[in-house]
Amino acid sequence: MARKSSHKDVRLQVILPFELKEKLRRMAVGKGKNISALVRESVEEKVVELERQLFEESMREAYLDLADENVRTVEDFRHADAENL
């Protein structure tokens, strides 16, 4: 299945070891695609994975910051619980 090139597409030159290029060629032939399509799909998948990892890390950091804030708040009101006894 050929993919039409759009005016938003860009050409990117990448240097690969010969053995890796040959593996890509064999895989592309086996899947009925060209090397460019196979590389494009692989890069897209990797970018999605990296974006997910960055998002998860930022969420983890935000959670830890919130946990620290909650601990400080509890400490601020630690003595208030005993005032009504």
PDB file of N, CA and C in Angstrom:
ATOM      1  N   MET A   1       0.841  -1.170   0.000  1.00  0.00           N
ATOM      2  CA  MET A   1       0.000   0.000   0.000  1.00  0.00           C
ATOM      3  C   MET A   1       0.892   1.241   0.000  1.00  0.00           C
ATOM      4  N   ALA A   2       0.857   1.979  -1.067  1.00  0.00           N
ATOM      5  CA  ALA A   2       1.698   3.169  -1.191  1.00  0.00           C
ATOM      6  C   ALA A   2       1.069   4.325  -0.426  1.00  0.00           C
ATOM      7  N   ARG A   3       1.915   5.121   0.151  1.00  0.00           N
ATOM      8  CA  ARG A   3       1.475   6.292   0.898  1.00  0.00           C
ATOM      9  C   ARG A   3       1.813   7.513   0.055  1.00  0.00           C
ATOM     10  N   LYS A   4       0.811   8.353  -0.146  1.00  0.00           N
ATOM     11  CA  LYS A   4       1.061   9.565  -0.927  1.00  0.00           C
ATOM     12  C   LYS A   4       1.861  10.549  -0.095  1.00  0.00           C
ATOM     13  N   SER A   5       2.799  11.165  -0.729  1.00  0.00           N
ATOM     14  CA  SER A   5       3.608  12.188  -0.070  1.00  0.00           C
ATOM     15  C   SER A   5       2.825  13.492  -0.077  1.00  0.00           C
ATOM     16  N   SER A   6       2.849  14.176   1.040  1.00  0.00           N
ATOM     17  CA  SER A   6       2.164  15.466   1.111  1.00  0.00           C
ATOM     18  C   SER A   6       3.198  16.577   1.183  1.00  0.00           C
ATOM     19  N   HIS A   7       2.728  17.802   1.033  1.00  0.00           N
ATOM     20  CA  HIS A   7       3.644  18.944   1.101  1.00  0.00           C
ATOM     21  C   HIS A   7       4.200  19.110   2.507  1.00  0.00           C
ATOM     22  N   LYS A   8       3.644  18.414   3.487  1.00  0.00           N
ATOM     23  CA  LYS A   8       4.138  18.502   4.857  1.00  0.00           C
ATOM     24  C   LYS A   8       5.217  17.460   5.151  1.00  0.00           C
ATOM     25  N   ASP A   9       5.397  16.515   4.253  1.00  0.00           N
ATOM     26  CA  ASP A   9       6.422  15.498   4.452  1.00  0.00           C
ATOM     27  C   ASP A   9       7.805  16.095   4.205  1.00  0.00           C
ATOM     28  N   VAL A  10       8.786  15.555   4.900  1.00  0.00           N
ATOM     29  CA  VAL A  10      10.165  15.993   4.704  1.00  0.00           C
ATOM     30  C   VAL A  10      11.045  14.771   4.476  1.00  0.00           C
ATOM     31  N   ARG A  11      12.132  14.998   3.805  1.00  0.00           N
ATOM     32  CA  ARG A  11      13.096  13.934   3.574  1.00  0.00           C
ATOM     33  C   ARG A  11      14.148  14.021   4.681  1.00  0.00           C
ATOM     34  N   LEU A  12      14.524  12.875   5.209  1.00  0.00           N
ATOM     35  CA  LEU A  12      15.505  12.816   6.286  1.00  0.00           C
ATOM     36  C   LEU A  12      16.540  11.773   5.911  1.00  0.00           C
ATOM     37  N   GLN A  13      17.781  12.157   5.957  1.00  0.00           N
ATOM     38  CA  GLN A  13      18.846  11.211   5.653  1.00  0.00           C
ATOM     39  C   GLN A  13      19.373  10.631   6.956  1.00  0.00           C
ATOM     40  N   VAL A  14      19.436   9.313   7.018  1.00  0.00           N
ATOM     41  CA  VAL A  14      19.902   8.613   8.208  1.00  0.00           C
ATOM     42  C   VAL A  14      20.989   7.630   7.784  1.00  0.00           C
ATOM     43  N   ILE A  15      22.051   7.587   8.549  1.00  0.00           N
ATOM     44  CA  ILE A  15      23.138   6.656   8.266  1.00  0.00           C
ATOM     45  C   ILE A  15      22.945   5.422   9.151  1.00  0.00           C
ATOM     46  N   LEU A  16      22.901   4.257   8.512  1.00  0.00           N
ATOM     47  CA  LEU A  16      22.726   2.989   9.220  1.00  0.00           C
ATOM     48  C   LEU A  16      23.843   2.033   8.829  1.00  0.00           C
ATOM     49  N   PRO A  17      24.148   1.120   9.730  1.00  0.00           N
ATOM     50  CA  PRO A  17      25.081   0.056   9.332  1.00  0.00           C
ATOM     51  C   PRO A  17      24.452  -0.766   8.193  1.00  0.00           C
ATOM     52  N   PHE A  18      25.287  -1.252   7.322  1.00  0.00           N
ATOM     53  CA  PHE A  18      24.803  -2.014   6.172  1.00  0.00           C
ATOM     54  C   PHE A  18      23.931  -3.195   6.601  1.00  0.00           C
ATOM     55  N   GLU A  19      24.343  -3.900   7.640  1.00  0.00           N
ATOM     56  CA  GLU A  19      23.604  -5.079   8.096  1.00  0.00           C
ATOM     57  C   GLU A  19      22.181  -4.714   8.532  1.00  0.00           C
ATOM     58  N   LEU A  20      22.030  -3.575   9.200  1.00  0.00           N
ATOM     59  CA  LEU A  20      20.710  -3.135   9.632  1.00  0.00           C
ATOM     60  C   LEU A  20      19.847  -2.749   8.436  1.00  0.00           C
ATOM     61  N   LYS A  21      20.452  -2.090   7.471  1.00  0.00           N
ATOM     62  CA  LYS A  21      19.720  -1.727   6.257  1.00  0.00           C
ATOM     63  C   LYS A  21      19.224  -2.972   5.535  1.00  0.00           C
ATOM     64  N   GLU A  22      20.053  -4.011   5.485  1.00  0.00           N
ATOM     65  CA  GLU A  22      19.653  -5.257   4.835  1.00  0.00           C
ATOM     66  C   GLU A  22      18.519  -5.945   5.608  1.00  0.00           C
ATOM     67  N   LYS A  23      18.589  -5.917   6.926  1.00  0.00           N
ATOM     68  CA  LYS A  23      17.489  -6.471   7.725  1.00  0.00           C
ATOM     69  C   LYS A  23      16.193  -5.722   7.448  1.00  0.00           C
ATOM     70  N   LEU A  24      16.284  -4.394   7.388  1.00  0.00           N
ATOM     71  CA  LEU A  24      15.103  -3.585   7.082  1.00  0.00           C
ATOM     72  C   LEU A  24      14.552  -3.932   5.710  1.00  0.00           C
ATOM     73  N   ARG A  25      15.440  -4.089   4.736  1.00  0.00           N
ATOM     74  CA  ARG A  25      14.998  -4.426   3.380  1.00  0.00           C
ATOM     75  C   ARG A  25      14.249  -5.751   3.361  1.00  0.00           C
ATOM     76  N   ARG A  26      14.824  -6.766   4.042  1.00  0.00           N
ATOM     77  CA  ARG A  26      14.176  -8.083   4.076  1.00  0.00           C
ATOM     78  C   ARG A  26      12.823  -8.016   4.782  1.00  0.00           C
ATOM     79  N   MET A  27      12.766  -7.283   5.884  1.00  0.00           N
ATOM     80  CA  MET A  27      11.503  -7.151   6.614  1.00  0.00           C
ATOM     81  C   MET A  27      10.461  -6.412   5.782  1.00  0.00           C
ATOM     82  N   ALA A  28      10.901  -5.361   5.106  1.00  0.00           N
ATOM     83  CA  ALA A  28       9.984  -4.587   4.275  1.00  0.00           C
ATOM     84  C   ALA A  28       9.417  -5.458   3.160  1.00  0.00           C
ATOM     85  N   VAL A  29      10.282  -6.213   2.497  1.00  0.00           N
ATOM     86  CA  VAL A  29       9.824  -7.104   1.430  1.00  0.00           C
ATOM     87  C   VAL A  29       8.827  -8.114   1.993  1.00  0.00           C
ATOM     88  N   GLY A  30       9.142  -8.674   3.160  1.00  0.00           N
ATOM     89  CA  GLY A  30       8.253  -9.657   3.787  1.00  0.00           C
ATOM     90  C   GLY A  30       6.892  -9.089   4.140  1.00  0.00           C
ATOM     91  N   LYS A  31       6.834  -7.808   4.411  1.00  0.00           N
ATOM     92  CA  LYS A  31       5.565  -7.169   4.758  1.00  0.00           C
ATOM     93  C   LYS A  31       4.921  -6.470   3.565  1.00  0.00           C
ATOM     94  N   GLY A  32       5.579  -6.547   2.412  1.00  0.00           N
ATOM     95  CA  GLY A  32       5.023  -5.920   1.212  1.00  0.00           C
ATOM     96  C   GLY A  32       5.070  -4.401   1.255  1.00  0.00           C
ATOM     97  N   LYS A  33       6.078  -3.872   1.923  1.00  0.00           N
ATOM     98  CA  LYS A  33       6.229  -2.425   2.050  1.00  0.00           C
ATOM     99  C   LYS A  33       7.603  -2.028   1.542  1.00  0.00           C
ATOM    100  N   ASN A  34       7.808  -0.728   1.433  1.00  0.00           N
ATOM    101  CA  ASN A  34       9.155  -0.276   1.130  1.00  0.00           C
ATOM    102  C   ASN A  34       9.847   0.094   2.444  1.00  0.00           C
ATOM    103  N   ILE A  35      11.150   0.269   2.374  1.00  0.00           N
ATOM    104  CA  ILE A  35      11.929   0.555   3.588  1.00  0.00           C
ATOM    105  C   ILE A  35      11.446   1.853   4.244  1.00  0.00           C
ATOM    106  N   SER A  36      11.148   2.861   3.435  1.00  0.00           N
ATOM    107  CA  SER A  36      10.701   4.139   3.995  1.00  0.00           C
ATOM    108  C   SER A  36       9.437   3.971   4.832  1.00  0.00           C
ATOM    109  N   ALA A  37       8.483   3.206   4.335  1.00  0.00           N
ATOM    110  CA  ALA A  37       7.234   2.991   5.074  1.00  0.00           C
ATOM    111  C   ALA A  37       7.507   2.263   6.381  1.00  0.00           C
ATOM    112  N   LEU A  38       8.364   1.249   6.328  1.00  0.00           N
ATOM    113  CA  LEU A  38       8.688   0.486   7.535  1.00  0.00           C
ATOM    114  C   LEU A  38       9.398   1.360   8.563  1.00  0.00           C
ATOM    115  N   VAL A  39      10.348   2.156   8.124  1.00  0.00           N
ATOM    116  CA  VAL A  39      11.080   3.049   9.032  1.00  0.00           C
ATOM    117  C   VAL A  39      10.133   4.105   9.594  1.00  0.00           C
ATOM    118  N   ARG A  40       9.281   4.688   8.747  1.00  0.00           N
ATOM    119  CA  ARG A  40       8.332   5.710   9.193  1.00  0.00           C
ATOM    120  C   ARG A  40       7.411   5.152  10.290  1.00  0.00           C
ATOM    121  N   GLU A  41       6.875   3.961  10.070  1.00  0.00           N
ATOM    122  CA  GLU A  41       5.998   3.339  11.065  1.00  0.00           C
ATOM    123  C   GLU A  41       6.747   3.075  12.372  1.00  0.00           C
ATOM    124  N   SER A  42       7.974   2.603  12.248  1.00  0.00           N
ATOM    125  CA  SER A  42       8.783   2.317  13.437  1.00  0.00           C
ATOM    126  C   SER A  42       9.083   3.589  14.224  1.00  0.00           C
ATOM    127  N   VAL A  43       9.417   4.648  13.521  1.00  0.00           N
ATOM    128  CA  VAL A  43       9.715   5.921  14.186  1.00  0.00           C
ATOM    129  C   VAL A  43       8.449   6.456  14.851  1.00  0.00           C
ATOM    130  N   GLU A  44       7.319   6.377  14.167  1.00  0.00           N
ATOM    131  CA  GLU A  44       6.052   6.839  14.757  1.00  0.00           C
ATOM    132  C   GLU A  44       5.751   6.082  16.044  1.00  0.00           C
ATOM    133  N   GLU A  45       5.917   4.756  16.019  1.00  0.00           N
ATOM    134  CA  GLU A  45       5.675   3.944  17.217  1.00  0.00           C
ATOM    135  C   GLU A  45       6.614   4.333  18.351  1.00  0.00           C
ATOM    136  N   LYS A  46       7.879   4.564  18.037  1.00  0.00           N
ATOM    137  CA  LYS A  46       8.860   4.931  19.055  1.00  0.00           C
ATOM    138  C   LYS A  46       8.547   6.301  19.650  1.00  0.00           C
ATOM    139  N   VAL A  47       8.138   7.246  18.808  1.00  0.00           N
ATOM    140  CA  VAL A  47       7.794   8.578  19.302  1.00  0.00           C
ATOM    141  C   VAL A  47       6.596   8.509  20.244  1.00  0.00           C
ATOM    142  N   VAL A  48       5.592   7.721  19.892  1.00  0.00           N
ATOM    143  CA  VAL A  48       4.426   7.551  20.767  1.00  0.00           C
ATOM    144  C   VAL A  48       4.864   6.951  22.107  1.00  0.00           C
ATOM    145  N   GLU A  49       5.730   5.955  22.054  1.00  0.00           N
ATOM    146  CA  GLU A  49       6.236   5.330  23.286  1.00  0.00           C
ATOM    147  C   GLU A  49       7.003   6.337  24.150  1.00  0.00           C
ATOM    148  N   LEU A  50       7.868   7.111  23.538  1.00  0.00           N
ATOM    149  CA  LEU A  50       8.646   8.109  24.283  1.00  0.00           C
ATOM    150  C   LEU A  50       7.748   9.201  24.868  1.00  0.00           C
ATOM    151  N   GLU A  51       6.738   9.624  24.104  1.00  0.00           N
ATOM    152  CA  GLU A  51       5.792  10.621  24.626  1.00  0.00           C
ATOM    153  C   GLU A  51       5.049  10.068  25.841  1.00  0.00           C
ATOM    154  N   ARG A  52       4.648   8.803  25.773  1.00  0.00           N
ATOM    155  CA  ARG A  52       3.950   8.172  26.900  1.00  0.00           C
ATOM    156  C   ARG A  52       4.865   8.096  28.126  1.00  0.00           C
ATOM    157  N   GLN A  53       6.126   7.741  27.911  1.00  0.00           N
ATOM    158  CA  GLN A  53       7.079   7.683  29.016  1.00  0.00           C
ATOM    159  C   GLN A  53       7.270   9.049  29.659  1.00  0.00           C
ATOM    160  N   LEU A  54       7.389  10.104  28.836  1.00  0.00           N
ATOM    161  CA  LEU A  54       7.541  11.457  29.366  1.00  0.00           C
ATOM    162  C   LEU A  54       6.305  11.878  30.148  1.00  0.00           C
ATOM    163  N   PHE A  55       5.131  11.546  29.639  1.00  0.00           N
ATOM    164  CA  PHE A  55       3.886  11.879  30.331  1.00  0.00           C
ATOM    165  C   PHE A  55       3.815  11.154  31.672  1.00  0.00           C
ATOM    166  N   GLU A  56       4.138   9.857  31.669  1.00  0.00           N
ATOM    167  CA  GLU A  56       4.104   9.090  32.913  1.00  0.00           C
ATOM    168  C   GLU A  56       5.088   9.651  33.936  1.00  0.00           C
ATOM    169  N   GLU A  57       6.260  10.052  33.487  1.00  0.00           N
ATOM    170  CA  GLU A  57       7.251  10.623  34.393  1.00  0.00           C
ATOM    171  C   GLU A  57       6.756  11.949  34.972  1.00  0.00           C
ATOM    172  N   SER A  58       6.146  12.778  34.147  1.00  0.00           N
ATOM    173  CA  SER A  58       5.637  14.055  34.660  1.00  0.00           C
ATOM    174  C   SER A  58       4.488  13.826  35.636  1.00  0.00           C
ATOM    175  N   MET A  59       3.654  12.823  35.373  1.00  0.00           N
ATOM    176  CA  MET A  59       2.571  12.500  36.305  1.00  0.00           C
ATOM    177  C   MET A  59       3.137  11.959  37.622  1.00  0.00           C
ATOM    178  N   ARG A  60       4.173  11.145  37.546  1.00  0.00           N
ATOM    179  CA  ARG A  60       4.814  10.594  38.746  1.00  0.00           C
ATOM    180  C   ARG A  60       5.405  11.734  39.592  1.00  0.00           C
ATOM    181  N   GLU A  61       6.071  12.675  38.932  1.00  0.00           N
ATOM    182  CA  GLU A  61       6.656  13.812  39.646  1.00  0.00           C
ATOM    183  C   GLU A  61       5.566  14.672  40.280  1.00  0.00           C
ATOM    184  N   ALA A  62       4.481  14.896  39.555  1.00  0.00           N
ATOM    185  CA  ALA A  62       3.371  15.687  40.102  1.00  0.00           C
ATOM    186  C   ALA A  62       2.751  14.973  41.303  1.00  0.00           C
ATOM    187  N   TYR A  63       2.597  13.667  41.217  1.00  0.00           N
ATOM    188  CA  TYR A  63       2.046  12.890  42.331  1.00  0.00           C
ATOM    189  C   TYR A  63       2.951  13.000  43.559  1.00  0.00           C
ATOM    190  N   LEU A  64       4.251  12.888  43.368  1.00  0.00           N
ATOM    191  CA  LEU A  64       5.183  12.979  44.493  1.00  0.00           C
ATOM    192  C   LEU A  64       5.176  14.380  45.099  1.00  0.00           C
ATOM    193  N   ASP A  65       5.088  15.413  44.259  1.00  0.00           N
ATOM    194  CA  ASP A  65       4.994  16.778  44.770  1.00  0.00           C
ATOM    195  C   ASP A  65       3.725  16.958  45.596  1.00  0.00           C
ATOM    196  N   LEU A  66       2.622  16.415  45.104  1.00  0.00           N
ATOM    197  CA  LEU A  66       1.358  16.512  45.831  1.00  0.00           C
ATOM    198  C   LEU A  66       1.425  15.745  47.146  1.00  0.00           C
ATOM    199  N   ALA A  67       2.070  14.594  47.132  1.00  0.00           N
ATOM    200  CA  ALA A  67       2.224  13.812  48.357  1.00  0.00           C
ATOM    201  C   ALA A  67       3.043  14.600  49.382  1.00  0.00           C
ATOM    202  N   ASP A  68       4.109  15.251  48.954  1.00  0.00           N
ATOM    203  CA  ASP A  68       4.912  16.082  49.859  1.00  0.00           C
ATOM    204  C   ASP A  68       4.068  17.218  50.434  1.00  0.00           C
ATOM    205  N   GLU A  69       3.265  17.843  49.588  1.00  0.00           N
ATOM    206  CA  GLU A  69       2.400  18.937  50.052  1.00  0.00           C
ATOM    207  C   GLU A  69       1.388  18.420  51.071  1.00  0.00           C
ATOM    208  N   ASN A  70       0.836  17.246  50.831  1.00  0.00           N
ATOM    209  CA  ASN A  70      -0.122  16.662  51.776  1.00  0.00           C
ATOM    210  C   ASN A  70       0.526  16.384  53.125  1.00  0.00           C
ATOM    211  N   VAL A  71       1.751  15.903  53.120  1.00  0.00           N
ATOM    212  CA  VAL A  71       2.469  15.636  54.371  1.00  0.00           C
ATOM    213  C   VAL A  71       2.697  16.947  55.130  1.00  0.00           C
ATOM    214  N   ARG A  72       3.080  17.995  54.405  1.00  0.00           N
ATOM    215  CA  ARG A  72       3.287  19.304  55.064  1.00  0.00           C
ATOM    216  C   ARG A  72       1.978  19.828  55.648  1.00  0.00           C
ATOM    217  N   THR A  73       0.884  19.656  54.938  1.00  0.00           N
ATOM    218  CA  THR A  73      -0.422  20.105  55.436  1.00  0.00           C
ATOM    219  C   THR A  73      -0.810  19.347  56.695  1.00  0.00           C
ATOM    220  N   VAL A  74      -0.598  18.060  56.696  1.00  0.00           N
ATOM    221  CA  VAL A  74      -0.902  17.246  57.884  1.00  0.00           C
ATOM    222  C   VAL A  74      -0.063  17.718  59.065  1.00  0.00           C
ATOM    223  N   GLU A  75       1.198  17.998  58.820  1.00  0.00           N
ATOM    224  CA  GLU A  75       2.078  18.490  59.888  1.00  0.00           C
ATOM    225  C   GLU A  75       1.586  19.835  60.425  1.00  0.00           C
ATOM    226  N   ASP A  76       1.115  20.708  59.534  1.00  0.00           N
ATOM    227  CA  ASP A  76       0.607  22.012  59.963  1.00  0.00           C
ATOM    228  C   ASP A  76      -0.593  21.887  60.896  1.00  0.00           C
ATOM    229  N   PHE A  77      -1.416  20.880  60.694  1.00  0.00           N
ATOM    230  CA  PHE A  77      -2.634  20.713  61.486  1.00  0.00           C
ATOM    231  C   PHE A  77      -2.522  19.593  62.517  1.00  0.00           C
ATOM    232  N   ARG A  78      -1.332  19.090  62.737  1.00  0.00           N
ATOM    233  CA  ARG A  78      -1.122  17.983  63.662  1.00  0.00           C
ATOM    234  C   ARG A  78      -1.666  18.308  65.052  1.00  0.00           C
ATOM    235  N   HIS A  79      -1.409  19.497  65.548  1.00  0.00           N
ATOM    236  CA  HIS A  79      -1.837  19.871  66.894  1.00  0.00           C
ATOM    237  C   HIS A  79      -3.296  20.276  66.950  1.00  0.00           C
ATOM    238  N   ALA A  80      -3.889  20.627  65.819  1.00  0.00           N
ATOM    239  CA  ALA A  80      -5.281  21.060  65.802  1.00  0.00           C
ATOM    240  C   ALA A  80      -6.228  19.943  66.184  1.00  0.00           C
ATOM    241  N   ASP A  81      -5.894  18.704  65.919  1.00  0.00           N
ATOM    242  CA  ASP A  81      -6.762  17.580  66.252  1.00  0.00           C
ATOM    243  C   ASP A  81      -6.945  17.458  67.761  1.00  0.00           C
ATOM    244  N   ALA A  82      -5.956  17.785  68.538  1.00  0.00           N
ATOM    245  CA  ALA A  82      -6.023  17.629  69.995  1.00  0.00           C
ATOM    246  C   ALA A  82      -6.674  18.822  70.677  1.00  0.00           C
ATOM    247  N   GLU A  83      -6.902  19.940  69.987  1.00  0.00           N
ATOM    248  CA  GLU A  83      -7.436  21.143  70.597  1.00  0.00           C
ATOM    249  C   GLU A  83      -8.878  20.999  71.043  1.00  0.00           C
ATOM    250  N   ASN A  84      -9.638  20.125  70.389  1.00  0.00           N
ATOM    251  CA  ASN A  84     -11.067  19.990  70.721  1.00  0.00           C
ATOM    252  C   ASN A  84     -11.330  18.914  71.766  1.00  0.00           C
ATOM    253  N   LEU A  85     -10.340  18.323  72.339  1.00  0.00           N
ATOM    254  CA  LEU A  85     -10.526  17.266  73.336  1.00  0.00           C
ATOM    255  C   LEU A  85     -10.797  17.808  74.687  1.00  0.00           C
TER     256      LEU A  85
END
